[in-house]
Amino acid sequence: MSENVMMALEMMGQGMLGIFVVLGVIALLVVLLQKLDGKKKK
């Protein structure tokens, strides 16, 4: 039973890490696009 619980927690942790990585990449892309748009408008 404890092995299954540990495996489930590991999978949950990996999923959360993946979500945070994806959110971080999207945030970086948004910041880069804003900087590029700012340069074009000026």
PDB file of N, CA and C in Angstrom:
ATOM      1  N   MET A   1       0.842  -1.207   0.000  1.00  0.00           N
ATOM      2  CA  MET A   1       0.000   0.000   0.000  1.00  0.00           C
ATOM      3  C   MET A   1       0.879   1.261   0.000  1.00  0.00           C
ATOM      4  N   SER A   2       1.888   1.304   0.874  1.00  0.00           N
ATOM      5  CA  SER A   2       2.719   2.502   0.960  1.00  0.00           C
ATOM      6  C   SER A   2       3.488   2.719  -0.347  1.00  0.00           C
ATOM      7  N   GLU A   3       3.840   1.628  -1.052  1.00  0.00           N
ATOM      8  CA  GLU A   3       4.560   1.784  -2.332  1.00  0.00           C
ATOM      9  C   GLU A   3       3.672   2.499  -3.342  1.00  0.00           C
ATOM     10  N   ASN A   4       2.408   2.106  -3.385  1.00  0.00           N
ATOM     11  CA  ASN A   4       1.485   2.764  -4.321  1.00  0.00           C
ATOM     12  C   ASN A   4       1.325   4.236  -3.975  1.00  0.00           C
ATOM     13  N   VAL A   5       1.245   4.536  -2.684  1.00  0.00           N
ATOM     14  CA  VAL A   5       1.088   5.935  -2.252  1.00  0.00           C
ATOM     15  C   VAL A   5       2.321   6.738  -2.648  1.00  0.00           C
ATOM     16  N   MET A   6       3.492   6.168  -2.449  1.00  0.00           N
ATOM     17  CA  MET A   6       4.730   6.871  -2.804  1.00  0.00           C
ATOM     18  C   MET A   6       4.786   7.119  -4.314  1.00  0.00           C
ATOM     19  N   MET A   7       4.405   6.100  -5.100  1.00  0.00           N
ATOM     20  CA  MET A   7       4.411   6.268  -6.560  1.00  0.00           C
ATOM     21  C   MET A   7       3.430   7.365  -6.963  1.00  0.00           C
ATOM     22  N   ALA A   8       2.252   7.379  -6.335  1.00  0.00           N
ATOM     23  CA  ALA A   8       1.249   8.401  -6.656  1.00  0.00           C
ATOM     24  C   ALA A   8       1.781   9.797  -6.322  1.00  0.00           C
ATOM     25  N   LEU A   9       2.448   9.923  -5.160  1.00  0.00           N
ATOM     26  CA  LEU A   9       2.995  11.230  -4.773  1.00  0.00           C
ATOM     27  C   LEU A   9       4.092  11.657  -5.744  1.00  0.00           C
ATOM     28  N   GLU A  10       4.922  10.715  -6.177  1.00  0.00           N
ATOM     29  CA  GLU A  10       5.980  11.061  -7.140  1.00  0.00           C
ATOM     30  C   GLU A  10       5.371  11.549  -8.444  1.00  0.00           C
ATOM     31  N   MET A  11       4.349  10.841  -8.925  1.00  0.00           N
ATOM     32  CA  MET A  11       3.693  11.259 -10.177  1.00  0.00           C
ATOM     33  C   MET A  11       3.078  12.643 -10.015  1.00  0.00           C
ATOM     34  N   MET A  12       2.441  12.896  -8.860  1.00  0.00           N
ATOM     35  CA  MET A  12       1.839  14.211  -8.609  1.00  0.00           C
ATOM     36  C   MET A  12       2.916  15.293  -8.606  1.00  0.00           C
ATOM     37  N   GLY A  13       4.047  15.006  -7.952  1.00  0.00           N
ATOM     38  CA  GLY A  13       5.137  15.982  -7.902  1.00  0.00           C
ATOM     39  C   GLY A  13       5.669  16.290  -9.285  1.00  0.00           C
ATOM     40  N   GLN A  14       5.852  15.245 -10.096  1.00  0.00           N
ATOM     41  CA  GLN A  14       6.359  15.464 -11.451  1.00  0.00           C
ATOM     42  C   GLN A  14       5.359  16.282 -12.256  1.00  0.00           C
ATOM     43  N   GLY A  15       4.059  15.984 -12.087  1.00  0.00           N
ATOM     44  CA  GLY A  15       3.036  16.732 -12.818  1.00  0.00           C
ATOM     45  C   GLY A  15       3.058  18.198 -12.426  1.00  0.00           C
ATOM     46  N   MET A  16       3.171  18.474 -11.123  1.00  0.00           N
ATOM     47  CA  MET A  16       3.203  19.859 -10.662  1.00  0.00           C
ATOM     48  C   MET A  16       4.445  20.568 -11.191  1.00  0.00           C
ATOM     49  N   LEU A  17       5.593  19.870 -11.172  1.00  0.00           N
ATOM     50  CA  LEU A  17       6.825  20.471 -11.699  1.00  0.00           C
ATOM     51  C   LEU A  17       6.631  20.815 -13.173  1.00  0.00           C
ATOM     52  N   GLY A  18       6.040  19.884 -13.921  1.00  0.00           N
ATOM     53  CA  GLY A  18       5.812  20.125 -15.352  1.00  0.00           C
ATOM     54  C   GLY A  18       4.933  21.344 -15.554  1.00  0.00           C
ATOM     55  N   ILE A  19       3.889  21.470 -14.740  1.00  0.00           N
ATOM     56  CA  ILE A  19       2.981  22.612 -14.881  1.00  0.00           C
ATOM     57  C   ILE A  19       3.723  23.916 -14.592  1.00  0.00           C
ATOM     58  N   PHE A  20       4.535  23.918 -13.523  1.00  0.00           N
ATOM     59  CA  PHE A  20       5.271  25.143 -13.195  1.00  0.00           C
ATOM     60  C   PHE A  20       6.266  25.496 -14.293  1.00  0.00           C
ATOM     61  N   VAL A  21       6.924  24.482 -14.883  1.00  0.00           N
ATOM     62  CA  VAL A  21       7.882  24.732 -15.973  1.00  0.00           C
ATOM     63  C   VAL A  21       7.156  25.348 -17.156  1.00  0.00           C
ATOM     64  N   VAL A  22       6.006  24.780 -17.515  1.00  0.00           N
ATOM     65  CA  VAL A  22       5.237  25.309 -18.659  1.00  0.00           C
ATOM     66  C   VAL A  22       4.796  26.739 -18.377  1.00  0.00           C
ATOM     67  N   LEU A  23       4.306  27.007 -17.162  1.00  0.00           N
ATOM     68  CA  LEU A  23       3.871  28.365 -16.814  1.00  0.00           C
ATOM     69  C   LEU A  23       5.052  29.328 -16.897  1.00  0.00           C
ATOM     70  N   GLY A  24       6.224  28.896 -16.418  1.00  0.00           N
ATOM     71  CA  GLY A  24       7.405  29.752 -16.466  1.00  0.00           C
ATOM     72  C   GLY A  24       7.802  30.072 -17.898  1.00  0.00           C
ATOM     73  N   VAL A  25       7.761  29.064 -18.772  1.00  0.00           N
ATOM     74  CA  VAL A  25       8.116  29.287 -20.184  1.00  0.00           C
ATOM     75  C   VAL A  25       7.129  30.256 -20.816  1.00  0.00           C
ATOM     76  N   ILE A  26       5.838  30.086 -20.540  1.00  0.00           N
ATOM     77  CA  ILE A  26       4.829  30.992 -21.111  1.00  0.00           C
ATOM     78  C   ILE A  26       5.059  32.416 -20.606  1.00  0.00           C
ATOM     79  N   ALA A  27       5.369  32.559 -19.309  1.00  0.00           N
ATOM     80  CA  ALA A  27       5.606  33.895 -18.745  1.00  0.00           C
ATOM     81  C   ALA A  27       6.806  34.550 -19.434  1.00  0.00           C
ATOM     82  N   LEU A  28       7.875  33.784 -19.653  1.00  0.00           N
ATOM     83  CA  LEU A  28       9.062  34.335 -20.330  1.00  0.00           C
ATOM     84  C   LEU A  28       8.707  34.767 -21.746  1.00  0.00           C
ATOM     85  N   LEU A  29       7.928  33.949 -22.466  1.00  0.00           N
ATOM     86  CA  LEU A  29       7.537  34.306 -23.831  1.00  0.00           C
ATOM     87  C   LEU A  29       6.727  35.599 -23.827  1.00  0.00           C
ATOM     88  N   VAL A  30       5.818  35.747 -22.867  1.00  0.00           N
ATOM     89  CA  VAL A  30       4.994  36.962 -22.798  1.00  0.00           C
ATOM     90  C   VAL A  30       5.883  38.183 -22.558  1.00  0.00           C
ATOM     91  N   VAL A  31       6.833  38.066 -21.637  1.00  0.00           N
ATOM     92  CA  VAL A  31       7.733  39.193 -21.341  1.00  0.00           C
ATOM     93  C   VAL A  31       8.562  39.553 -22.574  1.00  0.00           C
ATOM     94  N   LEU A  32       9.087  38.533 -23.263  1.00  0.00           N
ATOM     95  CA  LEU A  32       9.886  38.793 -24.467  1.00  0.00           C
ATOM     96  C   LEU A  32       9.044  39.470 -25.537  1.00  0.00           C
ATOM     97  N   LEU A  33       7.817  38.989 -25.730  1.00  0.00           N
ATOM     98  CA  LEU A  33       6.946  39.595 -26.746  1.00  0.00           C
ATOM     99  C   LEU A  33       6.638  41.040 -26.383  1.00  0.00           C
ATOM    100  N   GLN A  34       6.406  41.335 -25.102  1.00  0.00           N
ATOM    101  CA  GLN A  34       6.123  42.708 -24.688  1.00  0.00           C
ATOM    102  C   GLN A  34       7.326  43.605 -24.966  1.00  0.00           C
ATOM    103  N   LYS A  35       8.540  43.098 -24.682  1.00  0.00           N
ATOM    104  CA  LYS A  35       9.747  43.906 -24.929  1.00  0.00           C
ATOM    105  C   LYS A  35       9.908  44.165 -26.424  1.00  0.00           C
ATOM    106  N   LEU A  36       9.673  43.144 -27.259  1.00  0.00           N
ATOM    107  CA  LEU A  36       9.802  43.309 -28.699  1.00  0.00           C
ATOM    108  C   LEU A  36       8.757  44.283 -29.214  1.00  0.00           C
ATOM    109  N   ASP A  37       7.528  44.185 -28.730  1.00  0.00           N
ATOM    110  CA  ASP A  37       6.456  45.113 -29.155  1.00  0.00           C
ATOM    111  C   ASP A  37       6.820  46.530 -28.726  1.00  0.00           C
ATOM    112  N   GLY A  38       7.366  46.692 -27.530  1.00  0.00           N
ATOM    113  CA  GLY A  38       7.736  48.030 -27.062  1.00  0.00           C
ATOM    114  C   GLY A  38       8.773  48.656 -27.959  1.00  0.00           C
ATOM    115  N   LYS A  39       9.759  47.883 -28.405  1.00  0.00           N
ATOM    116  CA  LYS A  39      10.800  48.423 -29.284  1.00  0.00           C
ATOM    117  C   LYS A  39      10.197  48.832 -30.633  1.00  0.00           C
ATOM    118  N   LYS A  40       9.273  48.035 -31.146  1.00  0.00           N
ATOM    119  CA  LYS A  40       8.671  48.352 -32.449  1.00  0.00           C
ATOM    120  C   LYS A  40       7.848  49.620 -32.376  1.00  0.00           C
ATOM    121  N   LYS A  41       7.082  49.806 -31.294  1.00  0.00           N
ATOM    122  CA  LYS A  41       6.210  50.972 -31.191  1.00  0.00           C
ATOM    123  C   LYS A  41       7.022  52.256 -31.036  1.00  0.00           C
ATOM    124  N   LYS A  42       8.165  52.187 -30.328  1.00  0.00           N
ATOM    125  CA  LYS A  42       8.989  53.390 -30.131  1.00  0.00           C
ATOM    126  C   LYS A  42       9.694  53.694 -31.445  1.00  0.00           C
TER     127      LYS A  42
END
